[in-house]
């Protein structure tokens, strides 16, 4: 995949994609969220964090994705890419089928494309201030953008720990979990997200629309 880096465009090979789940740094909040989802039929994870595998073809750089039915939604997540012996930080949306999630979280992850921003930063440039990186998203509801997520990477397990936990190899990418949704998880007609580095004063942004396909039975 072609990404813009501070040193110019770079083609980063991505042959495997992981999606890390249940990665909140506050274990009490993670357990509370597990109980909330269990109440609506989502089976609890076998362990936390958990590293799901999805098709590498799902990671895309698109401003529009097609989904099946109205019950899907995105989540802004830090994206780790390991390629050519280097580690990069970017931004992607773990767009997920929420109805299918009650049947199988693993299957729900595979059901939707994972739109990614076209920019990455070298991880070695972020040493010492990763927890200060800000992550936000907005949901398009009734043709208006409303705040959906607002937090920092301090709310997510340290990225180096997640890389080690997944044994993330070269040529792989991983979506690293997210911060809570304001007002609860819900669908929208579009999704916008950003990752902001307040130390270097730079921002990665991406947005996409969702096109819902009819479910034929």
C-alpha atoms as a PDB file:
ATOM      1  CA  UNK A   1       0.000   0.000   0.000  1.00  0.00           C
ATOM      2  CA  UNK A   2       1.224   3.495  -0.796  1.00  0.00           C
ATOM      3  CA  UNK A   3       1.493   5.828   2.200  1.00  0.00           C
ATOM      4  CA  UNK A   4       2.737   9.384   2.572  1.00  0.00           C
ATOM      5  CA  UNK A   5       5.539   9.632   5.160  1.00  0.00           C
ATOM      6  CA  UNK A   6       7.491  12.643   6.441  1.00  0.00           C
ATOM      7  CA  UNK A   7      10.218  11.581   3.998  1.00  0.00           C
ATOM      8  CA  UNK A   8       7.831  11.280   1.028  1.00  0.00           C
ATOM      9  CA  UNK A   9       5.656   8.544  -0.498  1.00  0.00           C
ATOM     10  CA  UNK A  10       6.521   4.991   0.454  1.00  0.00           C
ATOM     11  CA  UNK A  11       5.097   1.642  -0.640  1.00  0.00           C
ATOM     12  CA  UNK A  12       4.630  -0.491   2.490  1.00  0.00           C
ATOM     13  CA  UNK A  13       3.981  -4.179   1.982  1.00  0.00           C
ATOM     14  CA  UNK A  14       0.995  -5.491   3.962  1.00  0.00           C
ATOM     15  CA  UNK A  15       0.411  -9.233   3.577  1.00  0.00           C
ATOM     16  CA  UNK A  16      -1.276  -9.840   6.952  1.00  0.00           C
ATOM     17  CA  UNK A  17      -3.780  -7.809   8.973  1.00  0.00           C
ATOM     18  CA  UNK A  18      -4.564  -8.172  12.670  1.00  0.00           C
ATOM     19  CA  UNK A  19      -7.340  -6.464  14.626  1.00  0.00           C
ATOM     20  CA  UNK A  20      -6.619  -6.127  18.343  1.00  0.00           C
ATOM     21  CA  UNK A  21      -9.652  -6.144  20.582  1.00  0.00           C
ATOM     22  CA  UNK A  22     -10.315  -5.434  24.251  1.00  0.00           C
ATOM     23  CA  UNK A  23      -7.218  -3.220  24.477  1.00  0.00           C
ATOM     24  CA  UNK A  24      -8.338  -0.635  27.005  1.00  0.00           C
ATOM     25  CA  UNK A  25      -5.652   0.227  29.565  1.00  0.00           C
ATOM     26  CA  UNK A  26      -8.239   0.475  32.373  1.00  0.00           C
ATOM     27  CA  UNK A  27      -9.096  -3.174  33.072  1.00  0.00           C
ATOM     28  CA  UNK A  28     -12.204  -2.183  35.042  1.00  0.00           C
ATOM     29  CA  UNK A  29     -13.639  -0.344  32.053  1.00  0.00           C
ATOM     30  CA  UNK A  30     -12.799  -3.286  29.777  1.00  0.00           C
ATOM     31  CA  UNK A  31     -14.704  -5.684  32.033  1.00  0.00           C
ATOM     32  CA  UNK A  32     -17.635  -3.262  32.223  1.00  0.00           C
ATOM     33  CA  UNK A  33     -17.752  -3.103  28.416  1.00  0.00           C
ATOM     34  CA  UNK A  34     -17.588  -6.904  28.180  1.00  0.00           C
ATOM     35  CA  UNK A  35     -20.614  -7.172  30.491  1.00  0.00           C
ATOM     36  CA  UNK A  36     -22.503  -4.539  28.473  1.00  0.00           C
ATOM     37  CA  UNK A  37     -21.943  -6.464  25.250  1.00  0.00           C
ATOM     38  CA  UNK A  38     -22.746  -9.797  26.906  1.00  0.00           C
ATOM     39  CA  UNK A  39     -26.126  -8.346  27.871  1.00  0.00           C
ATOM     40  CA  UNK A  40     -26.963  -7.823  24.180  1.00  0.00           C
ATOM     41  CA  UNK A  41     -25.750 -11.229  23.100  1.00  0.00           C
ATOM     42  CA  UNK A  42     -22.039 -10.716  22.364  1.00  0.00           C
ATOM     43  CA  UNK A  43     -19.959 -13.575  23.764  1.00  0.00           C
ATOM     44  CA  UNK A  44     -17.130 -12.489  26.091  1.00  0.00           C
ATOM     45  CA  UNK A  45     -13.564 -12.862  24.804  1.00  0.00           C
ATOM     46  CA  UNK A  46     -11.478 -15.884  25.792  1.00  0.00           C
ATOM     47  CA  UNK A  47      -8.754 -13.502  26.970  1.00  0.00           C
ATOM     48  CA  UNK A  48      -7.816  -9.821  26.849  1.00  0.00           C
ATOM     49  CA  UNK A  49      -6.409  -8.412  24.728  1.00  0.00           C
ATOM     50  CA  UNK A  50      -7.382 -10.650  21.818  1.00  0.00           C
ATOM     51  CA  UNK A  51      -5.829 -10.556  18.355  1.00  0.00           C
ATOM     52  CA  UNK A  52      -8.243 -11.304  15.507  1.00  0.00           C
ATOM     53  CA  UNK A  53      -7.048 -12.109  11.983  1.00  0.00           C
ATOM     54  CA  UNK A  54      -8.768 -10.686   8.906  1.00  0.00           C
ATOM     55  CA  UNK A  55      -8.040 -10.748   5.193  1.00  0.00           C
ATOM     56  CA  UNK A  56      -5.276  -8.352   4.179  1.00  0.00           C
ATOM     57  CA  UNK A  57      -7.503  -7.256   1.280  1.00  0.00           C
ATOM     58  CA  UNK A  58      -9.866  -5.568   3.760  1.00  0.00           C
ATOM     59  CA  UNK A  59      -7.356  -2.823   4.551  1.00  0.00           C
ATOM     60  CA  UNK A  60      -8.081  -0.091   2.007  1.00  0.00           C
ATOM     61  CA  UNK A  61      -7.644   3.599   1.291  1.00  0.00           C
ATOM     62  CA  UNK A  62     -11.083   4.566   0.035  1.00  0.00           C
ATOM     63  CA  UNK A  63     -13.556   7.384   0.592  1.00  0.00           C
ATOM     64  CA  UNK A  64     -16.528   5.016   0.231  1.00  0.00           C
ATOM     65  CA  UNK A  65     -17.215   1.437   1.300  1.00  0.00           C
ATOM     66  CA  UNK A  66     -20.158  -0.884   0.678  1.00  0.00           C
ATOM     67  CA  UNK A  67     -21.690  -2.718   3.622  1.00  0.00           C
ATOM     68  CA  UNK A  68     -24.493  -5.244   3.954  1.00  0.00           C
ATOM     69  CA  UNK A  69     -27.476  -3.798   5.794  1.00  0.00           C
ATOM     70  CA  UNK A  70     -27.800  -0.871   8.205  1.00  0.00           C
ATOM     71  CA  UNK A  71     -26.090  -2.329  11.267  1.00  0.00           C
ATOM     72  CA  UNK A  72     -22.432  -1.453  10.734  1.00  0.00           C
ATOM     73  CA  UNK A  73     -20.245   1.250  12.237  1.00  0.00           C
ATOM     74  CA  UNK A  74     -16.652   2.445  12.340  1.00  0.00           C
ATOM     75  CA  UNK A  75     -14.145   3.024  15.121  1.00  0.00           C
ATOM     76  CA  UNK A  76     -11.020   5.169  14.871  1.00  0.00           C
ATOM     77  CA  UNK A  77      -7.959   3.120  15.820  1.00  0.00           C
ATOM     78  CA  UNK A  78      -4.189   3.570  15.730  1.00  0.00           C
ATOM     79  CA  UNK A  79      -2.766   1.502  12.877  1.00  0.00           C
ATOM     80  CA  UNK A  80       0.633  -0.158  13.186  1.00  0.00           C
ATOM     81  CA  UNK A  81       2.410  -1.118   9.964  1.00  0.00           C
ATOM     82  CA  UNK A  82       5.657  -3.102  10.041  1.00  0.00           C
ATOM     83  CA  UNK A  83       7.418  -3.087   6.692  1.00  0.00           C
ATOM     84  CA  UNK A  84      10.991  -3.116   5.489  1.00  0.00           C
ATOM     85  CA  UNK A  85      12.349  -3.469   8.993  1.00  0.00           C
ATOM     86  CA  UNK A  86      10.624  -0.305  10.259  1.00  0.00           C
ATOM     87  CA  UNK A  87       7.497   0.318  12.312  1.00  0.00           C
ATOM     88  CA  UNK A  88       5.002   3.005  11.334  1.00  0.00           C
ATOM     89  CA  UNK A  89       1.982   4.572  13.041  1.00  0.00           C
ATOM     90  CA  UNK A  90      -1.122   5.467  11.081  1.00  0.00           C
ATOM     91  CA  UNK A  91      -4.894   5.574  11.453  1.00  0.00           C
ATOM     92  CA  UNK A  92      -7.656   3.195  10.359  1.00  0.00           C
ATOM     93  CA  UNK A  93     -11.303   2.427  11.072  1.00  0.00           C
ATOM     94  CA  UNK A  94     -12.300  -0.986  12.356  1.00  0.00           C
ATOM     95  CA  UNK A  95     -15.627  -0.905  10.526  1.00  0.00           C
ATOM     96  CA  UNK A  96     -17.672  -3.783  11.954  1.00  0.00           C
ATOM     97  CA  UNK A  97     -21.040  -5.485  11.394  1.00  0.00           C
ATOM     98  CA  UNK A  98     -22.679  -5.010  14.803  1.00  0.00           C
ATOM     99  CA  UNK A  99     -25.539  -7.442  14.155  1.00  0.00           C
ATOM    100  CA  UNK A 100     -23.117 -10.188  13.116  1.00  0.00           C
ATOM    101  CA  UNK A 101     -21.032  -9.366  16.194  1.00  0.00           C
ATOM    102  CA  UNK A 102     -23.709 -10.989  18.382  1.00  0.00           C
ATOM    103  CA  UNK A 103     -23.051 -14.242  16.501  1.00  0.00           C
ATOM    104  CA  UNK A 104     -19.261 -14.023  16.297  1.00  0.00           C
ATOM    105  CA  UNK A 105     -16.889 -11.120  16.880  1.00  0.00           C
ATOM    106  CA  UNK A 106     -14.285 -12.762  14.618  1.00  0.00           C
ATOM    107  CA  UNK A 107     -16.788 -13.100  11.759  1.00  0.00           C
ATOM    108  CA  UNK A 108     -18.016  -9.527  12.232  1.00  0.00           C
ATOM    109  CA  UNK A 109     -14.456  -8.203  11.839  1.00  0.00           C
ATOM    110  CA  UNK A 110     -14.112 -10.023   8.508  1.00  0.00           C
ATOM    111  CA  UNK A 111     -17.422  -8.684   7.151  1.00  0.00           C
ATOM    112  CA  UNK A 112     -16.381  -5.062   6.470  1.00  0.00           C
ATOM    113  CA  UNK A 113     -13.579  -3.112   4.806  1.00  0.00           C
ATOM    114  CA  UNK A 114     -11.102  -1.321   7.074  1.00  0.00           C
ATOM    115  CA  UNK A 115     -10.499   2.181   5.619  1.00  0.00           C
ATOM    116  CA  UNK A 116      -7.072   3.619   6.445  1.00  0.00           C
ATOM    117  CA  UNK A 117      -5.630   7.110   6.161  1.00  0.00           C
ATOM    118  CA  UNK A 118      -2.983   7.621   3.513  1.00  0.00           C
ATOM    119  CA  UNK A 119      -0.331   8.943   5.914  1.00  0.00           C
ATOM    120  CA  UNK A 120       1.925   7.195   8.443  1.00  0.00           C
ATOM    121  CA  UNK A 121       4.621   8.428  10.829  1.00  0.00           C
ATOM    122  CA  UNK A 122       7.776   6.550  11.844  1.00  0.00           C
ATOM    123  CA  UNK A 123       7.314   5.160  15.355  1.00  0.00           C
ATOM    124  CA  UNK A 124      10.831   6.177  16.328  1.00  0.00           C
ATOM    125  CA  UNK A 125       9.792   9.822  15.930  1.00  0.00           C
ATOM    126  CA  UNK A 126       7.127   9.343  18.609  1.00  0.00           C
ATOM    127  CA  UNK A 127       9.286   7.899  21.365  1.00  0.00           C
ATOM    128  CA  UNK A 128       8.491   9.514  24.691  1.00  0.00           C
ATOM    129  CA  UNK A 129       5.107  10.993  23.793  1.00  0.00           C
ATOM    130  CA  UNK A 130       2.952   8.214  22.308  1.00  0.00           C
ATOM    131  CA  UNK A 131       0.457   8.497  25.170  1.00  0.00           C
ATOM    132  CA  UNK A 132      -0.116  12.157  24.281  1.00  0.00           C
ATOM    133  CA  UNK A 133      -1.265  11.338  20.746  1.00  0.00           C
ATOM    134  CA  UNK A 134      -4.922  12.350  20.399  1.00  0.00           C
ATOM    135  CA  UNK A 135      -7.523  10.287  18.533  1.00  0.00           C
ATOM    136  CA  UNK A 136     -10.956  11.578  17.498  1.00  0.00           C
ATOM    137  CA  UNK A 137     -13.809  10.678  15.215  1.00  0.00           C
ATOM    138  CA  UNK A 138     -17.097  12.084  13.931  1.00  0.00           C
ATOM    139  CA  UNK A 139     -20.212  10.324  12.693  1.00  0.00           C
ATOM    140  CA  UNK A 140     -22.385  11.596   9.839  1.00  0.00           C
ATOM    141  CA  UNK A 141     -25.958  11.605  11.125  1.00  0.00           C
ATOM    142  CA  UNK A 142     -28.807  13.296   9.222  1.00  0.00           C
ATOM    143  CA  UNK A 143     -26.188  15.035   7.024  1.00  0.00           C
ATOM    144  CA  UNK A 144     -24.473  16.584  10.060  1.00  0.00           C
ATOM    145  CA  UNK A 145     -21.094  15.603  11.528  1.00  0.00           C
ATOM    146  CA  UNK A 146     -21.348  14.893  15.268  1.00  0.00           C
ATOM    147  CA  UNK A 147     -18.529  14.097  17.704  1.00  0.00           C
ATOM    148  CA  UNK A 148     -18.250  10.331  18.186  1.00  0.00           C
ATOM    149  CA  UNK A 149     -14.903   9.635  19.895  1.00  0.00           C
ATOM    150  CA  UNK A 150     -12.369  11.810  21.699  1.00  0.00           C
ATOM    151  CA  UNK A 151      -9.406  10.463  23.638  1.00  0.00           C
ATOM    152  CA  UNK A 152      -5.683   9.755  23.682  1.00  0.00           C
ATOM    153  CA  UNK A 153      -3.505   6.704  23.199  1.00  0.00           C
ATOM    154  CA  UNK A 154      -3.013   6.677  26.988  1.00  0.00           C
ATOM    155  CA  UNK A 155      -6.427   4.962  27.127  1.00  0.00           C
ATOM    156  CA  UNK A 156      -5.142   2.048  25.031  1.00  0.00           C
ATOM    157  CA  UNK A 157      -2.572  -0.537  26.093  1.00  0.00           C
ATOM    158  CA  UNK A 158       0.962   0.547  25.092  1.00  0.00           C
ATOM    159  CA  UNK A 159       1.393  -0.074  21.391  1.00  0.00           C
ATOM    160  CA  UNK A 160       4.725  -1.843  21.885  1.00  0.00           C
ATOM    161  CA  UNK A 161       2.976  -4.300  24.215  1.00  0.00           C
ATOM    162  CA  UNK A 162       0.322  -4.988  21.574  1.00  0.00           C
ATOM    163  CA  UNK A 163       2.993  -5.488  18.897  1.00  0.00           C
ATOM    164  CA  UNK A 164       4.721  -7.997  21.161  1.00  0.00           C
ATOM    165  CA  UNK A 165       1.452  -9.688  22.143  1.00  0.00           C
ATOM    166  CA  UNK A 166       0.500 -10.271  18.522  1.00  0.00           C
ATOM    167  CA  UNK A 167       4.066 -11.235  17.593  1.00  0.00           C
ATOM    168  CA  UNK A 168       3.473  -8.844  14.699  1.00  0.00           C
ATOM    169  CA  UNK A 169       5.793  -9.804  11.833  1.00  0.00           C
ATOM    170  CA  UNK A 170       7.320  -7.646   9.126  1.00  0.00           C
ATOM    171  CA  UNK A 171       4.849  -7.192   6.295  1.00  0.00           C
ATOM    172  CA  UNK A 172       1.870  -6.979   8.675  1.00  0.00           C
ATOM    173  CA  UNK A 173      -0.500  -4.293   9.917  1.00  0.00           C
ATOM    174  CA  UNK A 174      -2.580  -4.142  13.091  1.00  0.00           C
ATOM    175  CA  UNK A 175      -5.542  -2.037  14.173  1.00  0.00           C
ATOM    176  CA  UNK A 176      -4.892  -1.505  17.868  1.00  0.00           C
ATOM    177  CA  UNK A 177      -8.239  -0.936  19.549  1.00  0.00           C
ATOM    178  CA  UNK A 178      -9.994   2.278  20.371  1.00  0.00           C
ATOM    179  CA  UNK A 179     -11.476   4.711  22.885  1.00  0.00           C
ATOM    180  CA  UNK A 180     -15.161   4.737  23.939  1.00  0.00           C
ATOM    181  CA  UNK A 181     -17.867   6.071  21.667  1.00  0.00           C
ATOM    182  CA  UNK A 182     -19.664   9.187  22.901  1.00  0.00           C
ATOM    183  CA  UNK A 183     -23.328   8.300  23.265  1.00  0.00           C
ATOM    184  CA  UNK A 184     -22.808   4.629  22.474  1.00  0.00           C
ATOM    185  CA  UNK A 185     -21.871   2.588  19.410  1.00  0.00           C
ATOM    186  CA  UNK A 186     -24.181   3.299  16.475  1.00  0.00           C
ATOM    187  CA  UNK A 187     -24.302   3.438  12.699  1.00  0.00           C
ATOM    188  CA  UNK A 188     -24.072   6.500  10.468  1.00  0.00           C
ATOM    189  CA  UNK A 189     -23.883   7.458   6.822  1.00  0.00           C
ATOM    190  CA  UNK A 190     -20.235   8.459   7.042  1.00  0.00           C
ATOM    191  CA  UNK A 191     -17.213   8.416   9.320  1.00  0.00           C
ATOM    192  CA  UNK A 192     -14.385  10.931   9.816  1.00  0.00           C
ATOM    193  CA  UNK A 193     -11.318  10.439  11.992  1.00  0.00           C
ATOM    194  CA  UNK A 194      -8.032  12.028  12.970  1.00  0.00           C
ATOM    195  CA  UNK A 195      -4.825  11.280  14.841  1.00  0.00           C
ATOM    196  CA  UNK A 196      -3.101  14.399  16.222  1.00  0.00           C
ATOM    197  CA  UNK A 197       0.461  14.687  17.489  1.00  0.00           C
ATOM    198  CA  UNK A 198       0.494  17.734  19.810  1.00  0.00           C
ATOM    199  CA  UNK A 199       4.268  17.628  20.254  1.00  0.00           C
ATOM    200  CA  UNK A 200       5.132  17.843  16.545  1.00  0.00           C
ATOM    201  CA  UNK A 201       1.849  19.649  15.721  1.00  0.00           C
ATOM    202  CA  UNK A 202       0.766  17.389  12.864  1.00  0.00           C
ATOM    203  CA  UNK A 203      -2.411  15.483  12.087  1.00  0.00           C
ATOM    204  CA  UNK A 204      -3.430  12.409  10.090  1.00  0.00           C
ATOM    205  CA  UNK A 205      -7.005  12.576   8.748  1.00  0.00           C
ATOM    206  CA  UNK A 206      -9.343  10.372   6.753  1.00  0.00           C
ATOM    207  CA  UNK A 207     -13.075  10.179   6.028  1.00  0.00           C
ATOM    208  CA  UNK A 208     -15.385   7.847   4.164  1.00  0.00           C
ATOM    209  CA  UNK A 209     -19.040   7.256   3.380  1.00  0.00           C
ATOM    210  CA  UNK A 210     -20.886   3.977   3.816  1.00  0.00           C
ATOM    211  CA  UNK A 211     -23.207   2.607   1.140  1.00  0.00           C
ATOM    212  CA  UNK A 212     -25.671   0.115   2.614  1.00  0.00           C
ATOM    213  CA  UNK A 213     -26.638  -2.768   0.355  1.00  0.00           C
ATOM    214  CA  UNK A 214     -30.038  -4.430   0.722  1.00  0.00           C
ATOM    215  CA  UNK A 215     -30.157  -7.786   2.489  1.00  0.00           C
ATOM    216  CA  UNK A 216     -31.887 -10.221   0.144  1.00  0.00           C
ATOM    217  CA  UNK A 217     -33.490 -13.302   1.715  1.00  0.00           C
END
